[in-house]
């Protein structure tokens, strides 16, 4: 496993998906952001769910996804609805 797996919420499967869309380092993930990373994954995997989006955001914030703030969760849910339909 690479450096992305050192982040909370990033297990082997999600790390592979990130690698498959060209995100291989923590700095790349930070630069791209959780939403854009998720959209790239969604373009390749239509099963990308709100949990994956939340996991990515939690990884960037350094927390388990279920510890994200309520405002962040609400924002992610709206983004998900807007893009997943």
Protein backbone atom coordinates (compact mmCIF):
# COMPACT_ATOMS: atom_id res chain seq x y z
CA UNK A 1 0.00 0.00 0.00
CA UNK A 2 1.10 3.53 -0.68
CA UNK A 3 1.07 6.71 1.34
CA UNK A 4 -2.65 7.37 0.81
CA UNK A 5 -3.43 4.36 3.00
CA UNK A 6 -1.85 6.19 5.93
CA UNK A 7 -4.85 8.54 5.94
CA UNK A 8 -8.01 7.74 7.91
CA UNK A 9 -10.72 6.01 5.86
CA UNK A 10 -8.40 5.04 3.01
CA UNK A 11 -8.20 1.26 2.73
CA UNK A 12 -6.70 -0.71 -0.15
CA UNK A 13 -9.76 -0.53 -2.42
CA UNK A 14 -10.18 3.23 -2.17
CA UNK A 15 -6.44 3.77 -2.51
CA UNK A 16 -6.48 1.71 -5.72
CA UNK A 17 -9.40 3.71 -7.06
CA UNK A 18 -7.55 6.93 -6.32
CA UNK A 19 -4.42 5.58 -8.02
CA UNK A 20 -6.51 4.53 -11.02
CA UNK A 21 -7.67 8.14 -11.50
CA UNK A 22 -4.16 9.54 -11.17
CA UNK A 23 -4.10 10.44 -7.48
CA UNK A 24 -1.14 8.70 -5.89
CA UNK A 25 0.04 11.05 -3.14
CA UNK A 26 -1.47 12.87 -0.19
CA UNK A 27 -0.43 16.20 -1.67
CA UNK A 28 -2.26 15.39 -4.92
CA UNK A 29 -5.40 14.47 -2.97
CA UNK A 30 -5.19 17.71 -0.97
CA UNK A 31 -4.72 19.75 -4.15
CA UNK A 32 -7.60 18.06 -5.97
CA UNK A 33 -9.94 17.87 -3.00
CA UNK A 34 -12.45 15.25 -1.95
CA UNK A 35 -15.21 16.30 -4.31
CA UNK A 36 -13.11 16.29 -7.48
CA UNK A 37 -11.44 13.02 -6.45
CA UNK A 38 -14.88 11.48 -5.93
CA UNK A 39 -16.11 12.75 -9.30
CA UNK A 40 -13.12 11.14 -10.98
CA UNK A 41 -13.87 7.85 -9.22
CA UNK A 42 -17.58 8.13 -10.10
CA UNK A 43 -16.69 8.53 -13.77
CA UNK A 44 -15.10 5.07 -13.63
CA UNK A 45 -17.30 3.42 -11.01
CA UNK A 46 -21.00 4.25 -10.94
CA UNK A 47 -21.32 2.59 -7.52
CA UNK A 48 -19.34 5.44 -5.90
CA UNK A 49 -21.52 6.33 -2.93
CA UNK A 50 -21.87 9.05 -0.31
CA UNK A 51 -19.75 6.96 2.05
CA UNK A 52 -16.84 7.08 -0.38
CA UNK A 53 -17.20 10.85 -0.72
CA UNK A 54 -17.37 11.20 3.07
CA UNK A 55 -14.36 8.94 3.47
CA UNK A 56 -12.32 11.14 1.16
CA UNK A 57 -13.31 14.30 3.01
CA UNK A 58 -12.56 12.69 6.36
CA UNK A 59 -9.16 11.60 5.06
CA UNK A 60 -8.36 15.18 4.14
CA UNK A 61 -9.51 16.43 7.53
CA UNK A 62 -7.60 13.68 9.32
CA UNK A 63 -10.69 12.15 10.94
CA UNK A 64 -12.87 9.09 10.52
CA UNK A 65 -15.75 10.00 8.22
CA UNK A 66 -18.36 9.66 10.97
CA UNK A 67 -16.62 12.44 12.94
CA UNK A 68 -17.15 15.03 10.21
CA UNK A 69 -19.07 18.10 11.33
CA UNK A 70 -22.78 18.32 10.61
CA UNK A 71 -22.30 21.24 8.21
CA UNK A 72 -19.70 19.27 6.28
CA UNK A 73 -21.95 16.22 6.14
CA UNK A 74 -24.84 18.31 4.88
CA UNK A 75 -22.65 19.93 2.23
CA UNK A 76 -21.37 16.55 1.07
CA UNK A 77 -24.90 15.14 0.89
CA UNK A 78 -26.02 18.06 -1.26
CA UNK A 79 -22.99 17.66 -3.54
CA UNK A 80 -23.73 13.93 -3.81
CA UNK A 81 -27.38 14.56 -4.71
CA UNK A 82 -26.38 17.17 -7.28
CA UNK A 83 -23.97 14.80 -9.04
CA UNK A 84 -25.36 11.33 -8.51
CA UNK A 85 -29.00 12.15 -9.12
